[in-house]
Every structure is written in structure tokens, then in C-alpha cells.
Amino acid sequence: MDIKHYAYETTGVCSREIKIATTKENTIHSVSFVGGCAGNAKGLSSLLTGMDVQEVIDRLSGVNCGGKTTSCPDQLSKALMEIMDKDL
């Protein structure tokens, strides 16, 4: 299986970085958050494994956290958009 690994430095959220691995078929192989709420991050990562990258972007883009204009899920969507732009 051809897997690409990426690291995305987050802004405006508790996690510092998101590590993402995708397959050549544009599905999520794995996601891990560095910092932030461990339980939510593990749960989100588990749910996303095997999902299509574009579907994850569509579902998570714009999700905010409390009074913030972003969230860890929103930051993940931004990271995935960058990945998609680089791979085109």
C-alpha cells in the first residue's frame, strides 16, 4: 500500500500538530493529534480511518470550538485541503 505522511502545524487550537497518513486512493490511513484533548482526538482519528479525504474536508470544514473561529477538526480540514492542493 502506497502511503504518504504529512505533518501540519495548527493555529488557534490546543493541539500543536496533526500527523496525517493518506493512501494513493485519497483515503485516510491514520490521523494523530499532538497535544489537545486526547480522548476527542483519539475518537476523531478512529472515526476518520478509511474515509475519503474530500468527505472529511466537507464534514469538518468550518467547525468551531467554543468562541474560537476554528477547532481541531477544522484545522484537520485545512491540512487535508493543503495536501489535496499539493498532490494535484
PDB file of N, CA and C in Angstrom:
ATOM      1  N   MET A   1       0.850  -1.178   0.000  1.00  0.00           N
ATOM      2  CA  MET A   1       0.000   0.000   0.000  1.00  0.00           C
ATOM      3  C   MET A   1       0.892   1.236   0.000  1.00  0.00           C
ATOM      4  N   ASP A   2       0.632   2.154  -0.905  1.00  0.00           N
ATOM      5  CA  ASP A   2       1.388   3.394  -1.022  1.00  0.00           C
ATOM      6  C   ASP A   2       0.788   4.433  -0.075  1.00  0.00           C
ATOM      7  N   ILE A   3       1.520   4.796   0.984  1.00  0.00           N
ATOM      8  CA  ILE A   3       1.031   5.729   1.998  1.00  0.00           C
ATOM      9  C   ILE A   3       1.941   6.948   2.053  1.00  0.00           C
ATOM     10  N   LYS A   4       1.320   8.125   2.052  1.00  0.00           N
ATOM     11  CA  LYS A   4       2.061   9.375   2.183  1.00  0.00           C
ATOM     12  C   LYS A   4       1.818   9.942   3.573  1.00  0.00           C
ATOM     13  N   HIS A   5       2.887  10.471   4.177  1.00  0.00           N
ATOM     14  CA  HIS A   5       2.816  11.026   5.528  1.00  0.00           C
ATOM     15  C   HIS A   5       3.005  12.537   5.484  1.00  0.00           C
ATOM     16  N   TYR A   6       2.214  13.222   6.287  1.00  0.00           N
ATOM     17  CA  TYR A   6       2.251  14.678   6.354  1.00  0.00           C
ATOM     18  C   TYR A   6       2.202  15.115   7.810  1.00  0.00           C
ATOM     19  N   ALA A   7       2.736  16.303   8.080  1.00  0.00           N
ATOM     20  CA  ALA A   7       2.612  16.935   9.386  1.00  0.00           C
ATOM     21  C   ALA A   7       2.125  18.358   9.153  1.00  0.00           C
ATOM     22  N   TYR A   8       1.139  18.781   9.926  1.00  0.00           N
ATOM     23  CA  TYR A   8       0.534  20.106   9.772  1.00  0.00           C
ATOM     24  C   TYR A   8       0.605  20.823  11.112  1.00  0.00           C
ATOM     25  N   GLU A   9       1.215  22.004  11.125  1.00  0.00           N
ATOM     26  CA  GLU A   9       1.296  22.820  12.336  1.00  0.00           C
ATOM     27  C   GLU A   9      -0.003  23.607  12.461  1.00  0.00           C
ATOM     28  N   THR A  10      -0.716  23.395  13.547  1.00  0.00           N
ATOM     29  CA  THR A  10      -2.018  24.024  13.747  1.00  0.00           C
ATOM     30  C   THR A  10      -1.879  25.454  14.278  1.00  0.00           C
ATOM     31  N   THR A  11      -2.951  26.220  14.149  1.00  0.00           N
ATOM     32  CA  THR A  11      -3.019  27.563  14.730  1.00  0.00           C
ATOM     33  C   THR A  11      -4.388  27.759  15.360  1.00  0.00           C
ATOM     34  N   GLY A  12      -4.397  28.404  16.526  1.00  0.00           N
ATOM     35  CA  GLY A  12      -5.649  28.768  17.178  1.00  0.00           C
ATOM     36  C   GLY A  12      -6.347  27.658  17.931  1.00  0.00           C
ATOM     37  N   VAL A  13      -5.673  26.533  18.129  1.00  0.00           N
ATOM     38  CA  VAL A  13      -6.277  25.404  18.851  1.00  0.00           C
ATOM     39  C   VAL A  13      -5.274  24.837  19.859  1.00  0.00           C
ATOM     40  N   CYS A  14      -5.745  23.956  20.715  1.00  0.00           N
ATOM     41  CA  CYS A  14      -4.890  23.376  21.758  1.00  0.00           C
ATOM     42  C   CYS A  14      -3.830  22.423  21.197  1.00  0.00           C
ATOM     43  N   SER A  15      -4.194  21.653  20.180  1.00  0.00           N
ATOM     44  CA  SER A  15      -3.193  20.744  19.607  1.00  0.00           C
ATOM     45  C   SER A  15      -2.153  21.563  18.850  1.00  0.00           C
ATOM     46  N   ARG A  16      -0.919  21.071  18.850  1.00  0.00           N
ATOM     47  CA  ARG A  16       0.180  21.786  18.197  1.00  0.00           C
ATOM     48  C   ARG A  16       0.406  21.329  16.762  1.00  0.00           C
ATOM     49  N   GLU A  17       0.063  20.079  16.507  1.00  0.00           N
ATOM     50  CA  GLU A  17       0.363  19.490  15.210  1.00  0.00           C
ATOM     51  C   GLU A  17      -0.603  18.350  14.935  1.00  0.00           C
ATOM     52  N   ILE A  18      -0.855  18.124  13.649  1.00  0.00           N
ATOM     53  CA  ILE A  18      -1.652  16.977  13.226  1.00  0.00           C
ATOM     54  C   ILE A  18      -0.799  16.159  12.270  1.00  0.00           C
ATOM     55  N   LYS A  19      -0.667  14.879  12.558  1.00  0.00           N
ATOM     56  CA  LYS A  19       0.068  13.962  11.685  1.00  0.00           C
ATOM     57  C   LYS A  19      -0.957  13.146  10.909  1.00  0.00           C
ATOM     58  N   ILE A  20      -0.793  13.143   9.594  1.00  0.00           N
ATOM     59  CA  ILE A  20      -1.779  12.532   8.715  1.00  0.00           C
ATOM     60  C   ILE A  20      -1.080  11.586   7.750  1.00  0.00           C
ATOM     61  N   ALA A  21      -1.682  10.429   7.534  1.00  0.00           N
ATOM     62  CA  ALA A  21      -1.209   9.497   6.513  1.00  0.00           C
ATOM     63  C   ALA A  21      -2.387   9.196   5.597  1.00  0.00           C
ATOM     64  N   THR A  22      -2.151   9.331   4.284  1.00  0.00           N
ATOM     65  CA  THR A  22      -3.194   9.058   3.302  1.00  0.00           C
ATOM     66  C   THR A  22      -2.707   8.014   2.306  1.00  0.00           C
ATOM     67  N   THR A  23      -3.655   7.343   1.689  1.00  0.00           N
ATOM     68  CA  THR A  23      -3.322   6.360   0.664  1.00  0.00           C
ATOM     69  C   THR A  23      -3.362   7.029  -0.708  1.00  0.00           C
ATOM     70  N   LYS A  24      -2.856   6.347  -1.708  1.00  0.00           N
ATOM     71  CA  LYS A  24      -2.883   6.908  -3.064  1.00  0.00           C
ATOM     72  C   LYS A  24      -4.315   7.019  -3.586  1.00  0.00           C
ATOM     73  N   GLU A  25      -5.249   6.338  -2.957  1.00  0.00           N
ATOM     74  CA  GLU A  25      -6.659   6.423  -3.338  1.00  0.00           C
ATOM     75  C   GLU A  25      -7.366   7.575  -2.637  1.00  0.00           C
ATOM     76  N   ASN A  26      -6.601   8.447  -1.955  1.00  0.00           N
ATOM     77  CA  ASN A  26      -7.126   9.599  -1.217  1.00  0.00           C
ATOM     78  C   ASN A  26      -8.065   9.210  -0.082  1.00  0.00           C
ATOM     79  N   THR A  27      -7.674   8.177   0.645  1.00  0.00           N
ATOM     80  CA  THR A  27      -8.387   7.841   1.873  1.00  0.00           C
ATOM     81  C   THR A  27      -7.456   8.058   3.052  1.00  0.00           C
ATOM     82  N   ILE A  28      -8.062   8.271   4.214  1.00  0.00           N
ATOM     83  CA  ILE A  28      -7.295   8.482   5.438  1.00  0.00           C
ATOM     84  C   ILE A  28      -6.790   7.126   5.930  1.00  0.00           C
ATOM     85  N   HIS A  29      -5.487   7.011   6.071  1.00  0.00           N
ATOM     86  CA  HIS A  29      -4.901   5.799   6.651  1.00  0.00           C
ATOM     87  C   HIS A  29      -4.804   5.966   8.163  1.00  0.00           C
ATOM     88  N   SER A  30      -4.360   7.154   8.606  1.00  0.00           N
ATOM     89  CA  SER A  30      -4.294   7.437  10.043  1.00  0.00           C
ATOM     90  C   SER A  30      -4.213   8.946  10.267  1.00  0.00           C
ATOM     91  N   VAL A  31      -4.655   9.360  11.445  1.00  0.00           N
ATOM     92  CA  VAL A  31      -4.577  10.751  11.885  1.00  0.00           C
ATOM     93  C   VAL A  31      -4.209  10.725  13.356  1.00  0.00           C
ATOM     94  N   SER A  32      -3.270  11.585  13.760  1.00  0.00           N
ATOM     95  CA  SER A  32      -2.975  11.737  15.185  1.00  0.00           C
ATOM     96  C   SER A  32      -2.716  13.202  15.491  1.00  0.00           C
ATOM     97  N   PHE A  33      -3.201  13.623  16.636  1.00  0.00           N
ATOM     98  CA  PHE A  33      -3.063  14.998  17.086  1.00  0.00           C
ATOM     99  C   PHE A  33      -2.001  15.046  18.171  1.00  0.00           C
ATOM    100  N   VAL A  34      -1.124  16.051  18.103  1.00  0.00           N
ATOM    101  CA  VAL A  34      -0.094  16.252  19.113  1.00  0.00           C
ATOM    102  C   VAL A  34      -0.598  17.360  20.021  1.00  0.00           C
ATOM    103  N   GLY A  35      -0.898  17.013  21.268  1.00  0.00           N
ATOM    104  CA  GLY A  35      -1.475  17.966  22.209  1.00  0.00           C
ATOM    105  C   GLY A  35      -2.987  17.986  22.075  1.00  0.00           C
ATOM    106  N   GLY A  36      -3.618  18.852  22.852  1.00  0.00           N
ATOM    107  CA  GLY A  36      -5.073  18.951  22.812  1.00  0.00           C
ATOM    108  C   GLY A  36      -5.731  17.887  23.661  1.00  0.00           C
ATOM    109  N   CYS A  37      -7.011  17.694  23.455  1.00  0.00           N
ATOM    110  CA  CYS A  37      -7.805  16.742  24.228  1.00  0.00           C
ATOM    111  C   CYS A  37      -7.600  15.332  23.671  1.00  0.00           C
ATOM    112  N   ALA A  38      -6.911  14.526  24.422  1.00  0.00           N
ATOM    113  CA  ALA A  38      -6.529  13.189  23.933  1.00  0.00           C
ATOM    114  C   ALA A  38      -7.730  12.318  23.590  1.00  0.00           C
ATOM    115  N   GLY A  39      -8.756  12.330  24.417  1.00  0.00           N
ATOM    116  CA  GLY A  39      -9.917  11.477  24.154  1.00  0.00           C
ATOM    117  C   GLY A  39     -10.640  11.850  22.881  1.00  0.00           C
ATOM    118  N   ASN A  40     -10.908  13.136  22.704  1.00  0.00           N
ATOM    119  CA  ASN A  40     -11.589  13.581  21.479  1.00  0.00           C
ATOM    120  C   ASN A  40     -10.728  13.308  20.256  1.00  0.00           C
ATOM    121  N   ALA A  41      -9.429  13.558  20.367  1.00  0.00           N
ATOM    122  CA  ALA A  41      -8.522  13.345  19.232  1.00  0.00           C
ATOM    123  C   ALA A  41      -8.479  11.873  18.832  1.00  0.00           C
ATOM    124  N   LYS A  42      -8.402  10.987  19.819  1.00  0.00           N
ATOM    125  CA  LYS A  42      -8.379   9.552  19.514  1.00  0.00           C
ATOM    126  C   LYS A  42      -9.697   9.099  18.891  1.00  0.00           C
ATOM    127  N   GLY A  43     -10.807   9.615  19.413  1.00  0.00           N
ATOM    128  CA  GLY A  43     -12.113   9.261  18.868  1.00  0.00           C
ATOM    129  C   GLY A  43     -12.263   9.729  17.434  1.00  0.00           C
ATOM    130  N   LEU A  44     -11.891  10.976  17.179  1.00  0.00           N
ATOM    131  CA  LEU A  44     -11.971  11.530  15.829  1.00  0.00           C
ATOM    132  C   LEU A  44     -11.080  10.736  14.880  1.00  0.00           C
ATOM    133  N   SER A  45      -9.872  10.452  15.309  1.00  0.00           N
ATOM    134  CA  SER A  45      -8.932   9.694  14.478  1.00  0.00           C
ATOM    135  C   SER A  45      -9.496   8.329  14.116  1.00  0.00           C
ATOM    136  N   SER A  46     -10.109   7.670  15.077  1.00  0.00           N
ATOM    137  CA  SER A  46     -10.683   6.348  14.840  1.00  0.00           C
ATOM    138  C   SER A  46     -11.832   6.408  13.832  1.00  0.00           C
ATOM    139  N   LEU A  47     -12.664   7.432  13.942  1.00  0.00           N
ATOM    140  CA  LEU A  47     -13.797   7.569  13.027  1.00  0.00           C
ATOM    141  C   LEU A  47     -13.366   7.868  11.592  1.00  0.00           C
ATOM    142  N   LEU A  48     -12.253   8.585  11.447  1.00  0.00           N
ATOM    143  CA  LEU A  48     -11.824   9.030  10.123  1.00  0.00           C
ATOM    144  C   LEU A  48     -11.061   7.976   9.330  1.00  0.00           C
ATOM    145  N   THR A  49     -10.477   7.010   9.988  1.00  0.00           N
ATOM    146  CA  THR A  49      -9.690   5.998   9.297  1.00  0.00           C
ATOM    147  C   THR A  49     -10.536   5.302   8.236  1.00  0.00           C
ATOM    148  N   GLY A  50     -10.041   5.318   7.005  1.00  0.00           N
ATOM    149  CA  GLY A  50     -10.735   4.688   5.888  1.00  0.00           C
ATOM    150  C   GLY A  50     -11.657   5.615   5.118  1.00  0.00           C
ATOM    151  N   MET A  51     -11.869   6.843   5.629  1.00  0.00           N
ATOM    152  CA  MET A  51     -12.757   7.789   4.941  1.00  0.00           C
ATOM    153  C   MET A  51     -12.047   8.476   3.785  1.00  0.00           C
ATOM    154  N   ASP A  52     -12.828   8.892   2.810  1.00  0.00           N
ATOM    155  CA  ASP A  52     -12.333   9.664   1.685  1.00  0.00           C
ATOM    156  C   ASP A  52     -11.919  11.055   2.168  1.00  0.00           C
ATOM    157  N   VAL A  53     -10.769  11.538   1.712  1.00  0.00           N
ATOM    158  CA  VAL A  53     -10.232  12.825   2.140  1.00  0.00           C
ATOM    159  C   VAL A  53     -11.226  13.950   1.869  1.00  0.00           C
ATOM    160  N   GLN A  54     -11.829  13.988   0.694  1.00  0.00           N
ATOM    161  CA  GLN A  54     -12.759  15.084   0.370  1.00  0.00           C
ATOM    162  C   GLN A  54     -13.985  15.048   1.270  1.00  0.00           C
ATOM    163  N   GLU A  55     -14.466  13.868   1.616  1.00  0.00           N
ATOM    164  CA  GLU A  55     -15.615  13.757   2.515  1.00  0.00           C
ATOM    165  C   GLU A  55     -15.268  14.311   3.904  1.00  0.00           C
ATOM    166  N   VAL A  56     -14.060  14.030   4.376  1.00  0.00           N
ATOM    167  CA  VAL A  56     -13.619  14.558   5.673  1.00  0.00           C
ATOM    168  C   VAL A  56     -13.568  16.083   5.610  1.00  0.00           C
ATOM    169  N   ILE A  57     -13.015  16.633   4.537  1.00  0.00           N
ATOM    170  CA  ILE A  57     -12.956  18.090   4.371  1.00  0.00           C
ATOM    171  C   ILE A  57     -14.376  18.669   4.409  1.00  0.00           C
ATOM    172  N   ASP A  58     -15.276  18.083   3.651  1.00  0.00           N
ATOM    173  CA  ASP A  58     -16.649  18.579   3.574  1.00  0.00           C
ATOM    174  C   ASP A  58     -17.343  18.552   4.930  1.00  0.00           C
ATOM    175  N   ARG A  59     -17.097  17.514   5.712  1.00  0.00           N
ATOM    176  CA  ARG A  59     -17.770  17.369   7.008  1.00  0.00           C
ATOM    177  C   ARG A  59     -17.168  18.253   8.102  1.00  0.00           C
ATOM    178  N   LEU A  60     -15.850  18.472   8.074  1.00  0.00           N
ATOM    179  CA  LEU A  60     -15.193  19.140   9.193  1.00  0.00           C
ATOM    180  C   LEU A  60     -14.868  20.611   8.966  1.00  0.00           C
ATOM    181  N   SER A  61     -14.861  21.058   7.736  1.00  0.00           N
ATOM    182  CA  SER A  61     -14.525  22.447   7.439  1.00  0.00           C
ATOM    183  C   SER A  61     -15.532  23.391   8.092  1.00  0.00           C
ATOM    184  N   GLY A  62     -15.015  24.380   8.822  1.00  0.00           N
ATOM    185  CA  GLY A  62     -15.861  25.383   9.452  1.00  0.00           C
ATOM    186  C   GLY A  62     -16.337  25.049  10.850  1.00  0.00           C
ATOM    187  N   VAL A  63     -16.039  23.859  11.360  1.00  0.00           N
ATOM    188  CA  VAL A  63     -16.422  23.513  12.729  1.00  0.00           C
ATOM    189  C   VAL A  63     -15.617  24.399  13.680  1.00  0.00           C
ATOM    190  N   ASN A  64     -16.323  25.057  14.615  1.00  0.00           N
ATOM    191  CA  ASN A  64     -15.589  25.891  15.573  1.00  0.00           C
ATOM    192  C   ASN A  64     -15.628  25.272  16.959  1.00  0.00           C
ATOM    193  N   CYS A  65     -14.858  25.848  17.862  1.00  0.00           N
ATOM    194  CA  CYS A  65     -14.753  25.325  19.230  1.00  0.00           C
ATOM    195  C   CYS A  65     -15.011  26.476  20.197  1.00  0.00           C
ATOM    196  N   GLY A  66     -16.124  26.420  20.894  1.00  0.00           N
ATOM    197  CA  GLY A  66     -16.455  27.499  21.818  1.00  0.00           C
ATOM    198  C   GLY A  66     -16.545  28.815  21.069  1.00  0.00           C
ATOM    199  N   GLY A  67     -15.832  29.819  21.538  1.00  0.00           N
ATOM    200  CA  GLY A  67     -15.840  31.117  20.896  1.00  0.00           C
ATOM    201  C   GLY A  67     -14.771  31.280  19.827  1.00  0.00           C
ATOM    202  N   LYS A  68     -14.007  30.225  19.577  1.00  0.00           N
ATOM    203  CA  LYS A  68     -12.940  30.297  18.575  1.00  0.00           C
ATOM    204  C   LYS A  68     -13.523  30.172  17.171  1.00  0.00           C
ATOM    205  N   THR A  69     -12.800  30.709  16.205  1.00  0.00           N
ATOM    206  CA  THR A  69     -13.256  30.605  14.817  1.00  0.00           C
ATOM    207  C   THR A  69     -12.785  29.324  14.148  1.00  0.00           C
ATOM    208  N   THR A  70     -12.068  28.486  14.880  1.00  0.00           N
ATOM    209  CA  THR A  70     -11.561  27.228  14.347  1.00  0.00           C
ATOM    210  C   THR A  70     -11.646  26.162  15.434  1.00  0.00           C
ATOM    211  N   SER A  71     -11.221  24.969  15.105  1.00  0.00           N
ATOM    212  CA  SER A  71     -11.207  23.844  16.037  1.00  0.00           C
ATOM    213  C   SER A  71     -10.198  22.827  15.510  1.00  0.00           C
ATOM    214  N   CYS A  72      -9.938  21.794  16.282  1.00  0.00           N
ATOM    215  CA  CYS A  72      -9.051  20.740  15.786  1.00  0.00           C
ATOM    216  C   CYS A  72      -9.618  20.081  14.524  1.00  0.00           C
ATOM    217  N   PRO A  73     -10.936  19.771  14.481  1.00  0.00           N
ATOM    218  CA  PRO A  73     -11.478  19.221  13.239  1.00  0.00           C
ATOM    219  C   PRO A  73     -11.343  20.189  12.060  1.00  0.00           C
ATOM    220  N   ASP A  74     -11.580  21.482  12.283  1.00  0.00           N
ATOM    221  CA  ASP A  74     -11.431  22.471  11.219  1.00  0.00           C
ATOM    222  C   ASP A  74      -9.978  22.552  10.760  1.00  0.00           C
ATOM    223  N   GLN A  75      -9.041  22.514  11.704  1.00  0.00           N
ATOM    224  CA  GLN A  75      -7.625  22.538  11.349  1.00  0.00           C
ATOM    225  C   GLN A  75      -7.258  21.309  10.527  1.00  0.00           C
ATOM    226  N   LEU A  76      -7.841  20.167  10.862  1.00  0.00           N
ATOM    227  CA  LEU A  76      -7.603  18.952  10.077  1.00  0.00           C
ATOM    228  C   LEU A  76      -8.108  19.151   8.646  1.00  0.00           C
ATOM    229  N   SER A  77      -9.276  19.764   8.492  1.00  0.00           N
ATOM    230  CA  SER A  77      -9.793  20.004   7.132  1.00  0.00           C
ATOM    231  C   SER A  77      -8.852  20.922   6.360  1.00  0.00           C
ATOM    232  N   LYS A  78      -8.282  21.927   7.024  1.00  0.00           N
ATOM    233  CA  LYS A  78      -7.332  22.827   6.369  1.00  0.00           C
ATOM    234  C   LYS A  78      -6.072  22.064   5.947  1.00  0.00           C
ATOM    235  N   ALA A  79      -5.601  21.186   6.824  1.00  0.00           N
ATOM    236  CA  ALA A  79      -4.427  20.372   6.493  1.00  0.00           C
ATOM    237  C   ALA A  79      -4.711  19.495   5.278  1.00  0.00           C
ATOM    238  N   LEU A  80      -5.876  18.872   5.245  1.00  0.00           N
ATOM    239  CA  LEU A  80      -6.240  17.999   4.133  1.00  0.00           C
ATOM    240  C   LEU A  80      -6.390  18.779   2.835  1.00  0.00           C
ATOM    241  N   MET A  81      -6.904  20.015   2.918  1.00  0.00           N
ATOM    242  CA  MET A  81      -7.002  20.854   1.715  1.00  0.00           C
ATOM    243  C   MET A  81      -5.610  21.154   1.172  1.00  0.00           C
ATOM    244  N   GLU A  82      -4.656  21.426   2.060  1.00  0.00           N
ATOM    245  CA  GLU A  82      -3.272  21.662   1.615  1.00  0.00           C
ATOM    246  C   GLU A  82      -2.709  20.418   0.949  1.00  0.00           C
ATOM    247  N   ILE A  83      -2.969  19.271   1.541  1.00  0.00           N
ATOM    248  CA  ILE A  83      -2.487  18.014   0.979  1.00  0.00           C
ATOM    249  C   ILE A  83      -3.065  17.813  -0.422  1.00  0.00           C
ATOM    250  N   MET A  84      -4.359  18.035  -0.566  1.00  0.00           N
ATOM    251  CA  MET A  84      -5.010  17.869  -1.873  1.00  0.00           C
ATOM    252  C   MET A  84      -4.413  18.827  -2.902  1.00  0.00           C
ATOM    253  N   ASP A  85      -4.158  20.081  -2.483  1.00  0.00           N
ATOM    254  CA  ASP A  85      -3.580  21.066  -3.403  1.00  0.00           C
ATOM    255  C   ASP A  85      -2.185  20.652  -3.842  1.00  0.00           C
ATOM    256  N   LYS A  86      -1.384  20.097  -2.931  1.00  0.00           N
ATOM    257  CA  LYS A  86      -0.013  19.682  -3.254  1.00  0.00           C
ATOM    258  C   LYS A  86       0.002  18.483  -4.178  1.00  0.00           C
ATOM    259  N   ASP A  87      -0.952  17.591  -4.002  1.00  0.00           N
ATOM    260  CA  ASP A  87      -0.977  16.339  -4.766  1.00  0.00           C
ATOM    261  C   ASP A  87      -1.618  16.477  -6.143  1.00  0.00           C
ATOM    262  N   LEU A  88      -2.173  17.623  -6.457  1.00  0.00           N
ATOM    263  CA  LEU A  88      -2.814  17.786  -7.775  1.00  0.00           C
ATOM    264  C   LEU A  88      -1.822  17.980  -8.876  1.00  0.00           C
TER     265      LEU A  88
END
